[in-house]
Amino acid sequence: MRRGSPGHPVRLDRLFRQESGRAVATLIRLLGDFDLAEEAVQDAWLVAVERWPAEGIPRNPGAWITTTARNRAIDRIRRARVLETKLAELEALTTEEGEVPDDRLRLMFTCCHPALAAEARVALTLRTLGGLSVPEVARAFLVAEPAMAKRLVRAKRKIADAGIAYRVPEDEELPHRLPSVLAAVYLIFNEGYAATAGDALVRRELCDEAIRLGRLLVELMPGRGEPRGLLALMLLHHARRDARVDADGRLVLLADQDRSLWHMDEVHEGRAYAAAAADDEYGIQAAIAAEHVAEVTDWARIAELYGALEPSPVIDLNRAVAVAMAEGPERGLALIDTIEGLDAYHLLHAARADLLRRLGRAGDSRAAYERALALATNPVEREFLEGRLRDA
């Protein structure tokens, strides 16, 4: 097996996030045991961290991890002297070609079984498929880390106790699980699009994986418009990835982005899917994303589209920003100041600070930027806010 250059800690971390979900999904299919699969993959990564910096990264790190995790799972099973039938299945797993293409999709529908609470379905999917840590999943749901850890344990126990099958459901079962599956894919994409942790604004491997899963859902359910809307939304956002930061890694706002860096093939594909999408939340958000990549942004139309979505504090904030762009900062600020439940959300304070700046209220703007900076966790966003605060 040919090997790449010696492993660098940052690259190893990126590879772990990229490959762990695939390895866990494959082992869960074979073992039917979330905990054993996760423990075996963790064991494999400990071996990788020890060996790869000196020996170099394997040509196919995913296959290496899956094979090593398989061996660790076999060791654990042998030590427990149980699950003899699982041993035979694991022994048959090959390194290069043993991955079943839709393992992650199977696991996603397993995690999104209606027997689980709605939030638990999405949280478990993010943890096992998205490669998100427990703290990152907790932040996605705005809950405390210990509470999320308990929720994940209960969800896995429920799957085991109820004997929930590891498979893509029959056609008549799909609509009941689809909303949770779509929500999970979108949250995986969101964590990649605006990472809550790490040194980069974008975790591209998460965006790519969410789009891959979105394509599988479109293929699986060709008669449904909801997956097309979600895929359109992700493609239209991801098409701008190379323009969202400059050469020095600094955040670039949409209005200032170099459009020559946009991936126009994805823009065109996203628009095509948006035109065939359902008139649901993903279809409407895809229409908003399509407006953002138009030659001239129609902010009044964007505000109208946000008004058609189910109200929520974040939707209300986005609508307020669009209204500010269409009707002026005073009108947008008045709407923002009516929003409740987002005091711990840094983007609310950042948006409010910008509108106050535009209204000439420097002192209030500085205070709002300081509040946004205190809440922001991504270093790229923090650097941007620090610059705005210096200029306020």
Protein backbone atom coordinates (compact mmCIF):
# COMPACT_ATOMS: atom_id res chain seq x y z
CA MET A 1 0.00 0.00 0.00
CA ARG A 2 1.55 3.30 -1.06
CA ARG A 3 1.73 5.98 1.55
CA GLY A 4 1.59 9.76 1.48
CA SER A 5 3.69 12.26 3.32
CA PRO A 6 4.07 11.98 7.09
CA GLY A 7 0.92 12.91 8.99
CA HIS A 8 0.46 16.43 10.29
CA PRO A 9 -1.79 16.88 13.36
CA VAL A 10 -4.17 19.25 11.54
CA ARG A 11 -4.47 16.92 8.56
CA LEU A 12 -5.05 13.92 10.83
CA ASP A 13 -7.86 15.80 12.54
CA ARG A 14 -9.41 16.61 9.15
CA LEU A 15 -9.10 12.99 8.02
CA PHE A 16 -10.74 11.79 11.22
CA ARG A 17 -13.76 14.01 10.63
CA GLN A 18 -13.91 12.97 6.99
CA GLU A 19 -13.49 9.21 7.38
CA SER A 20 -14.89 8.33 10.82
CA GLY A 21 -18.55 8.54 9.84
CA ARG A 22 -18.04 6.19 6.90
CA ALA A 23 -16.13 3.66 9.02
CA VAL A 24 -18.67 3.81 11.85
CA ALA A 25 -21.56 3.35 9.41
CA THR A 26 -19.94 0.27 7.86
CA LEU A 27 -19.27 -1.34 11.24
CA ILE A 28 -22.75 -0.57 12.56
CA ARG A 29 -24.20 -2.31 9.52
CA LEU A 30 -22.21 -5.41 10.35
CA LEU A 31 -22.39 -5.30 14.14
CA GLY A 32 -25.76 -3.73 14.82
CA ASP A 33 -24.08 -2.06 17.81
CA PHE A 34 -23.47 1.70 17.90
CA ASP A 35 -21.16 1.70 20.91
CA LEU A 36 -18.95 -1.18 19.73
CA ALA A 37 -18.59 0.39 16.29
CA GLU A 38 -17.69 3.81 17.69
CA GLU A 39 -15.21 2.31 20.18
CA ALA A 40 -13.52 0.24 17.47
CA VAL A 41 -13.14 3.27 15.20
CA GLN A 42 -11.73 5.30 18.09
CA ASP A 43 -9.24 2.48 18.74
CA ALA A 44 -8.22 2.55 15.08
CA TRP A 45 -7.61 6.30 15.16
CA LEU A 46 -5.42 5.96 18.23
CA VAL A 47 -3.29 3.53 16.22
CA ALA A 48 -3.27 5.98 13.28
CA VAL A 49 -2.16 8.87 15.48
CA GLU A 50 0.73 6.74 16.73
CA ARG A 51 1.84 5.40 13.34
CA TRP A 52 1.00 7.87 10.59
CA PRO A 53 3.20 10.80 11.70
CA ALA A 54 6.24 8.52 11.32
CA GLU A 55 5.13 6.11 8.58
CA GLY A 56 3.06 8.43 6.41
CA ILE A 57 -0.65 8.48 5.63
CA PRO A 58 -1.90 5.40 3.68
CA ARG A 59 -3.06 5.84 0.11
CA ASN A 60 -6.60 4.97 1.19
CA PRO A 61 -6.89 6.16 4.79
CA GLY A 62 -10.60 5.29 4.97
CA ALA A 63 -9.98 1.66 4.06
CA TRP A 64 -7.06 1.51 6.51
CA ILE A 65 -9.23 2.85 9.32
CA THR A 66 -12.13 0.53 8.48
CA THR A 67 -9.84 -2.51 8.38
CA THR A 68 -8.07 -1.59 11.60
CA ALA A 69 -11.39 -0.85 13.30
CA ARG A 70 -12.70 -4.21 12.08
CA ASN A 71 -9.72 -5.92 13.69
CA ARG A 72 -10.23 -4.03 16.94
CA ALA A 73 -13.91 -5.00 16.92
CA ILE A 74 -12.94 -8.63 16.39
CA ASP A 75 -10.57 -8.40 19.35
CA ARG A 76 -13.31 -6.94 21.54
CA ILE A 77 -15.79 -9.62 20.47
CA ARG A 78 -13.31 -12.40 21.05
CA ARG A 79 -12.50 -11.09 24.48
CA ALA A 80 -16.19 -11.08 25.33
CA ARG A 81 -16.65 -14.59 23.79
CA VAL A 82 -19.94 -13.57 22.18
CA LEU A 83 -21.40 -12.70 18.78
CA GLU A 84 -19.79 -15.58 16.88
CA THR A 85 -21.95 -14.94 13.84
CA LYS A 86 -20.74 -11.35 13.72
CA LEU A 87 -17.16 -12.57 13.61
CA ALA A 88 -17.79 -14.34 10.33
CA GLU A 89 -19.37 -11.24 8.82
CA LEU A 90 -16.51 -9.03 9.96
CA GLU A 91 -13.86 -11.46 8.66
CA ALA A 92 -15.45 -11.21 5.21
CA LEU A 93 -15.12 -7.42 5.10
CA THR A 94 -12.49 -6.41 2.51
CA THR A 95 -10.29 -3.36 2.81
CA GLU A 96 -10.63 -1.68 -0.58
CA GLU A 97 -14.03 -2.81 -1.83
CA GLY A 98 -15.94 -3.81 1.27
CA GLU A 99 -17.72 -0.50 1.77
CA VAL A 100 -21.39 -0.60 0.85
CA PRO A 101 -22.13 2.66 -1.03
CA ASP A 102 -25.28 3.53 0.93
CA ASP A 103 -24.09 2.54 4.41
CA ARG A 104 -24.39 6.11 5.60
CA LEU A 105 -27.85 6.46 4.13
CA ARG A 106 -28.95 3.27 5.89
CA LEU A 107 -27.56 4.56 9.16
CA MET A 108 -29.27 7.91 8.65
CA PHE A 109 -32.69 6.30 8.28
CA THR A 110 -31.95 4.09 11.29
CA CYS A 111 -31.11 7.13 13.38
CA CYS A 112 -34.26 8.88 12.16
CA HIS A 113 -36.69 6.13 13.17
CA PRO A 114 -40.05 7.53 14.39
CA ALA A 115 -39.66 5.63 17.67
CA LEU A 116 -37.01 8.21 18.64
CA ALA A 117 -37.79 11.75 19.71
CA ALA A 118 -37.40 14.23 16.83
CA GLU A 119 -34.40 16.09 18.28
CA ALA A 120 -32.74 12.82 19.29
CA ARG A 121 -32.96 11.57 15.70
CA VAL A 122 -31.12 14.55 14.30
CA ALA A 123 -28.61 14.72 17.14
CA LEU A 124 -27.66 11.05 16.78
CA THR A 125 -27.24 11.45 13.03
CA LEU A 126 -24.97 14.45 13.49
CA ARG A 127 -22.86 12.57 16.04
CA THR A 128 -22.46 9.29 14.14
CA LEU A 129 -22.56 10.46 10.52
CA GLY A 130 -21.46 14.05 10.60
CA GLY A 131 -18.37 13.40 12.68
CA LEU A 132 -19.43 16.18 15.05
CA SER A 133 -18.28 16.03 18.65
CA VAL A 134 -20.79 16.02 21.50
CA PRO A 135 -20.02 19.70 22.27
CA GLU A 136 -20.61 20.62 18.61
CA VAL A 137 -23.92 18.75 18.53
CA ALA A 138 -24.91 20.45 21.78
CA ARG A 139 -24.16 23.87 20.25
CA ALA A 140 -26.26 23.01 17.21
CA PHE A 141 -29.25 22.51 19.53
CA LEU A 142 -28.31 25.30 21.97
CA VAL A 143 -28.32 22.88 24.92
CA ALA A 144 -25.77 21.98 27.59
CA GLU A 145 -23.17 19.35 26.71
CA PRO A 146 -24.09 16.91 29.56
CA ALA A 147 -27.75 17.03 28.53
CA MET A 148 -26.84 16.24 24.92
CA ALA A 149 -24.55 13.37 25.97
CA LYS A 150 -27.41 11.80 27.93
CA ARG A 151 -29.78 12.29 25.01
CA LEU A 152 -27.41 10.46 22.67
CA VAL A 153 -26.98 7.54 25.08
CA ARG A 154 -30.76 7.19 25.42
CA ALA A 155 -31.23 7.27 21.64
CA LYS A 156 -28.70 4.49 21.04
CA ARG A 157 -30.22 2.40 23.82
CA LYS A 158 -33.67 2.88 22.29
CA ILE A 159 -32.45 1.59 18.92
CA ALA A 160 -30.93 -1.48 20.55
CA ASP A 161 -33.91 -2.22 22.83
CA ALA A 162 -36.49 -1.74 20.09
CA GLY A 163 -34.53 -3.86 17.58
CA ILE A 164 -34.73 -1.12 14.96
CA ALA A 165 -33.50 -2.54 11.65
CA TYR A 166 -30.40 -1.13 9.96
CA ARG A 167 -31.83 -0.52 6.50
CA VAL A 168 -33.36 2.00 4.15
CA PRO A 169 -37.11 1.79 4.90
CA GLU A 170 -39.74 0.59 2.47
CA ASP A 171 -41.30 3.22 0.20
CA GLU A 172 -44.38 3.66 2.37
CA GLU A 173 -42.20 4.35 5.43
CA LEU A 174 -40.00 6.99 3.83
CA PRO A 175 -42.27 10.04 4.17
CA HIS A 176 -42.49 9.59 7.95
CA ARG A 177 -38.72 9.68 8.35
CA LEU A 178 -37.88 12.15 5.59
CA PRO A 179 -38.24 15.41 7.61
CA SER A 180 -35.73 14.23 10.23
CA VAL A 181 -33.33 12.94 7.57
CA LEU A 182 -33.46 16.24 5.69
CA ALA A 183 -32.93 18.19 8.93
CA ALA A 184 -29.90 16.06 9.80
CA VAL A 185 -28.32 16.51 6.36
CA TYR A 186 -28.89 20.26 6.53
CA LEU A 187 -27.33 20.54 9.99
CA ILE A 188 -24.29 18.58 8.79
CA PHE A 189 -24.01 21.06 5.93
CA ASN A 190 -24.45 24.03 8.26
CA GLU A 191 -21.64 22.86 10.53
CA GLY A 192 -19.42 22.59 7.47
CA TYR A 193 -20.54 25.93 6.01
CA ALA A 194 -19.93 27.93 9.20
CA ALA A 195 -17.88 25.78 11.57
CA THR A 196 -18.40 26.32 15.27
CA ALA A 197 -14.87 25.13 16.07
CA GLY A 198 -11.48 24.81 14.40
CA ASP A 199 -9.31 27.29 12.56
CA ALA A 200 -11.26 27.48 9.29
CA LEU A 201 -14.59 29.10 8.48
CA VAL A 202 -15.55 26.20 6.21
CA ARG A 203 -15.16 22.47 6.90
CA ARG A 204 -15.42 21.40 3.30
CA GLU A 205 -15.53 17.66 4.00
CA LEU A 206 -18.80 18.11 5.92
CA CYS A 207 -20.33 20.21 3.12
CA ASP A 208 -19.25 17.64 0.52
CA GLU A 209 -20.67 14.78 2.58
CA ALA A 210 -24.00 16.57 3.11
CA ILE A 211 -24.28 17.23 -0.63
CA ARG A 212 -23.41 13.59 -1.37
CA LEU A 213 -26.17 12.44 0.97
CA GLY A 214 -28.53 14.98 -0.59
CA ARG A 215 -27.87 13.50 -4.03
CA LEU A 216 -28.56 10.00 -2.68
CA LEU A 217 -31.88 11.19 -1.27
CA VAL A 218 -32.86 12.72 -4.62
CA GLU A 219 -32.04 9.41 -6.33
CA LEU A 220 -33.87 7.43 -3.65
CA MET A 221 -37.02 9.57 -3.84
CA PRO A 222 -37.21 10.94 -7.41
CA GLY A 223 -40.87 11.86 -7.05
CA ARG A 224 -40.40 14.06 -3.98
CA GLY A 225 -39.58 17.75 -4.25
CA GLU A 226 -38.25 18.18 -0.69
CA PRO A 227 -34.85 16.51 -1.30
CA ARG A 228 -34.42 18.56 -4.48
CA GLY A 229 -35.02 21.76 -2.50
CA LEU A 230 -32.43 20.82 0.10
CA LEU A 231 -29.87 19.81 -2.53
CA ALA A 232 -30.47 23.09 -4.37
CA LEU A 233 -30.01 25.08 -1.18
CA MET A 234 -26.72 23.38 -0.34
CA LEU A 235 -25.32 23.64 -3.87
CA LEU A 236 -26.14 27.35 -4.15
CA HIS A 237 -24.42 28.13 -0.87
CA HIS A 238 -21.44 25.83 -1.43
CA ALA A 239 -20.84 27.25 -4.90
CA ARG A 240 -19.49 30.42 -3.22
CA ARG A 241 -17.03 28.60 -0.92
CA ASP A 242 -13.79 29.86 -2.50
CA ALA A 243 -14.93 33.49 -2.36
CA ARG A 244 -16.04 33.52 1.28
CA VAL A 245 -12.51 34.13 2.59
CA ASP A 246 -9.67 36.08 1.01
CA ALA A 247 -6.09 34.92 0.35
CA ASP A 248 -5.23 35.64 3.98
CA GLY A 249 -8.18 33.62 5.30
CA ARG A 250 -10.26 36.67 6.25
CA LEU A 251 -14.05 36.63 5.97
CA VAL A 252 -15.51 38.29 2.86
CA LEU A 253 -19.16 39.34 2.93
CA LEU A 254 -21.42 38.37 0.03
CA ALA A 255 -21.53 41.87 -1.44
CA ASP A 256 -17.73 42.01 -1.59
CA GLN A 257 -17.07 38.52 -2.95
CA ASP A 258 -15.16 37.94 -6.19
CA ARG A 259 -17.81 36.26 -8.32
CA SER A 260 -15.20 34.86 -10.67
CA LEU A 261 -14.36 32.44 -7.84
CA TRP A 262 -17.88 31.07 -7.66
CA HIS A 263 -18.42 27.57 -9.03
CA MET A 264 -20.95 28.40 -11.71
CA ASP A 265 -21.61 24.77 -12.62
CA GLU A 266 -22.96 24.30 -9.10
CA VAL A 267 -24.90 27.56 -9.31
CA HIS A 268 -26.62 26.37 -12.51
CA GLU A 269 -27.26 22.92 -11.06
CA GLY A 270 -28.64 24.43 -7.87
CA ARG A 271 -30.99 26.71 -9.80
CA ALA A 272 -32.27 23.74 -11.80
CA TYR A 273 -33.03 21.77 -8.63
CA ALA A 274 -34.61 24.85 -7.05
CA ALA A 275 -36.98 25.19 -9.99
CA ALA A 276 -38.17 21.59 -9.41
CA ALA A 277 -38.30 21.81 -5.62
CA ALA A 278 -41.33 21.52 -3.39
CA ASP A 279 -42.89 24.66 -1.95
CA ASP A 280 -41.63 23.79 1.53
CA GLU A 281 -39.01 25.32 3.82
CA TYR A 282 -36.09 23.96 1.79
CA GLY A 283 -37.61 25.00 -1.52
CA ILE A 284 -38.24 28.52 -0.22
CA GLN A 285 -34.73 28.79 1.23
CA ALA A 286 -33.34 27.54 -2.08
CA ALA A 287 -35.25 30.35 -3.82
CA ILE A 288 -33.63 32.80 -1.37
CA ALA A 289 -30.18 31.35 -2.09
CA ALA A 290 -30.88 31.70 -5.82
CA GLU A 291 -31.63 35.41 -5.30
CA HIS A 292 -28.27 35.80 -3.55
CA VAL A 293 -26.40 34.54 -6.64
CA ALA A 294 -28.43 36.63 -9.10
CA GLU A 295 -26.73 39.47 -10.99
CA VAL A 296 -28.67 41.97 -8.88
CA THR A 297 -29.90 40.94 -5.43
CA ASP A 298 -33.62 41.62 -4.98
CA TRP A 299 -33.75 42.23 -1.22
CA ALA A 300 -37.47 42.97 -1.23
CA ARG A 301 -38.10 39.56 -2.81
CA ILE A 302 -35.82 37.91 -0.25
CA ALA A 303 -37.73 39.58 2.60
CA GLU A 304 -40.98 38.36 1.06
CA LEU A 305 -39.66 34.79 0.82
CA TYR A 306 -38.51 34.82 4.45
CA GLY A 307 -42.03 35.94 5.35
CA ALA A 308 -43.37 32.78 3.72
CA LEU A 309 -41.32 30.52 5.99
CA GLU A 310 -42.48 29.15 9.33
CA PRO A 311 -41.56 31.88 11.82
CA SER A 312 -38.64 31.28 14.16
CA PRO A 313 -36.17 33.63 15.83
CA VAL A 314 -33.44 32.87 13.25
CA ILE A 315 -35.86 33.25 10.32
CA ASP A 316 -37.08 36.51 11.82
CA LEU A 317 -33.49 37.74 12.07
CA ASN A 318 -32.75 36.88 8.44
CA ARG A 319 -35.94 38.63 7.34
CA ALA A 320 -35.01 41.71 9.38
CA VAL A 321 -31.63 41.90 7.65
CA ALA A 322 -33.31 41.62 4.24
CA VAL A 323 -35.79 44.35 5.19
CA ALA A 324 -32.90 46.55 6.29
CA MET A 325 -31.26 46.10 2.90
CA ALA A 326 -34.53 46.82 1.07
CA GLU A 327 -36.05 49.56 3.25
CA GLY A 328 -33.19 50.95 5.31
CA PRO A 329 -31.33 50.18 8.55
CA GLU A 330 -33.85 51.88 10.86
CA ARG A 331 -36.66 49.58 9.73
CA GLY A 332 -34.44 46.50 10.03
CA LEU A 333 -33.22 47.48 13.50
CA ALA A 334 -36.80 47.93 14.72
CA LEU A 335 -37.56 44.36 13.63
CA ILE A 336 -34.40 42.93 15.22
CA ASP A 337 -35.22 44.57 18.52
CA THR A 338 -38.50 42.63 18.69
CA ILE A 339 -36.80 39.20 18.37
CA GLU A 340 -36.67 37.07 21.51
CA GLY A 341 -34.62 33.97 22.29
CA LEU A 342 -31.40 34.83 20.45
CA ASP A 343 -29.45 36.74 23.08
CA ALA A 344 -26.74 34.03 23.00
CA TYR A 345 -26.58 34.03 19.17
CA HIS A 346 -23.62 36.06 17.97
CA LEU A 347 -25.07 36.78 14.54
CA LEU A 348 -28.00 38.70 16.02
CA HIS A 349 -25.63 41.07 17.79
CA ALA A 350 -23.38 41.32 14.72
CA ALA A 351 -26.34 42.25 12.51
CA ARG A 352 -27.59 44.74 15.08
CA ALA A 353 -24.10 46.28 15.38
CA ASP A 354 -23.90 46.76 11.62
CA LEU A 355 -27.27 48.50 11.45
CA LEU A 356 -26.35 50.75 14.38
CA ARG A 357 -23.11 51.61 12.59
CA ARG A 358 -25.02 52.54 9.45
CA LEU A 359 -27.30 54.76 11.54
CA GLY A 360 -24.30 56.60 13.01
CA ARG A 361 -24.80 55.30 16.55
CA ALA A 362 -21.13 54.49 17.16
CA GLY A 363 -21.29 53.81 20.89
CA ASP A 364 -24.24 51.43 20.61
CA SER A 365 -22.60 49.77 17.62
CA ARG A 366 -19.39 49.12 19.57
CA ALA A 367 -21.34 47.58 22.44
CA ALA A 368 -23.18 45.27 20.06
CA TYR A 369 -19.93 44.24 18.33
CA GLU A 370 -18.38 43.49 21.72
CA ARG A 371 -21.34 41.27 22.60
CA ALA A 372 -21.09 39.44 19.25
CA LEU A 373 -17.36 38.95 19.72
CA ALA A 374 -17.87 37.51 23.21
CA LEU A 375 -20.23 34.88 21.76
CA ALA A 376 -18.46 33.98 18.50
CA THR A 377 -16.41 30.77 18.54
CA ASN A 378 -14.99 30.56 15.01
CA PRO A 379 -11.63 32.37 14.71
CA VAL A 380 -12.36 33.65 11.19
CA GLU A 381 -15.59 35.25 12.35
CA ARG A 382 -13.89 36.58 15.47
CA GLU A 383 -11.18 38.26 13.40
CA PHE A 384 -13.84 39.87 11.21
CA LEU A 385 -15.74 41.17 14.25
CA GLU A 386 -12.54 42.48 15.82
CA GLY A 387 -11.87 44.47 12.65
CA ARG A 388 -15.37 45.90 12.66
CA LEU A 389 -15.01 46.79 16.33
CA ARG A 390 -11.76 48.64 15.68
CA ASP A 391 -13.43 50.63 12.90
CA ALA A 392 -16.63 51.36 14.83
